[in-house]
Protein backbone atom coordinates (compact mmCIF):
# COMPACT_ATOMS: atom_id res chain seq x y z
CA MET A 1 -8.85 6.28 7.77
CA PHE A 2 -7.58 3.39 5.85
CA THR A 3 -5.42 0.30 6.46
CA ILE A 4 -2.26 -0.80 4.96
CA VAL A 5 -1.42 -4.52 5.32
CA TYR A 6 2.08 -6.03 4.72
CA ARG A 7 2.93 -9.51 5.86
CA ASP A 8 1.90 -9.73 9.52
CA LYS A 9 1.84 -5.77 10.09
CA LYS A 10 -1.08 -3.41 9.77
CA TRP A 11 -1.08 0.41 9.82
CA GLU A 12 -4.02 2.75 10.20
CA LEU A 13 -3.46 6.02 8.33
CA LYS A 14 -5.41 9.09 7.29
CA ASP A 15 -7.04 8.74 3.93
CA GLY A 16 -6.51 11.18 0.98
CA MET A 17 -2.85 10.48 0.46
CA THR A 18 -1.32 8.63 -2.53
CA VAL A 19 -0.41 5.05 -2.12
CA ARG A 20 3.21 6.05 -2.69
CA ASP A 21 3.13 8.48 0.24
CA ALA A 22 1.53 5.89 2.44
CA ILE A 23 4.10 3.26 1.60
CA LEU A 24 6.87 5.75 2.51
CA LYS A 25 5.08 6.79 5.65
CA VAL A 26 5.09 3.30 7.02
CA GLY A 27 8.85 2.94 6.18
CA LEU A 28 8.83 0.61 3.25
CA ASP A 29 10.49 0.92 -0.15
CA VAL A 30 8.04 1.79 -2.86
CA GLU A 31 10.18 -0.12 -5.46
CA ALA A 32 9.93 -3.36 -3.34
CA VAL A 33 6.16 -3.67 -3.02
CA LEU A 34 3.06 -3.81 -5.14
CA ALA A 35 -0.31 -2.42 -3.90
CA VAL A 36 -3.69 -4.35 -4.16
CA ARG A 37 -7.08 -2.92 -3.30
CA ASP A 38 -10.23 -5.04 -3.53
CA GLY A 39 -8.35 -7.64 -5.48
CA GLN A 40 -7.09 -5.22 -8.07
CA LEU A 41 -3.51 -4.03 -8.59
CA ILE A 42 -3.33 -0.24 -8.17
CA ASN A 43 -0.48 2.19 -8.97
CA GLU A 44 1.40 4.41 -6.50
CA GLU A 45 -0.40 7.45 -7.59
CA THR A 46 -3.84 6.10 -6.59
CA LEU A 47 -5.50 8.24 -3.80
CA THR A 48 -6.52 6.26 -0.80
CA ARG A 49 -10.18 6.47 0.43
CA ASP A 50 -11.82 6.12 3.82
CA GLY A 51 -12.23 2.45 4.64
CA ASP A 52 -9.67 1.17 2.09
CA VAL A 53 -7.69 -1.96 2.95
CA ILE A 54 -4.59 -1.88 0.81
CA LYS A 55 -2.47 -5.06 0.80
CA LEU A 56 1.24 -4.81 -0.11
CA VAL A 57 2.91 -7.66 -1.79
CA ALA A 58 6.64 -8.00 -1.92
CA VAL A 59 8.13 -7.87 -5.40
CA ILE A 60 10.16 -10.86 -6.30
CA SER A 61 12.47 -10.72 -9.21
CA GLY A 62 14.84 -13.30 -10.57
CA GLY A 63 16.64 -14.24 -13.71
């Protein structure tokens, strides 16, 4: 199991899926968030591991 954290919400999911699949499973837009594990930015194809805590950060754009 691993944990996804976004703002004040947490989800526990089965490990072994890609970050992209995990983001979609919790109902968020893959294009709207960045994933961070252990303080390092990870891409959406990264496989989740048992015990991971993946923090999602909203993407903010402007111009």
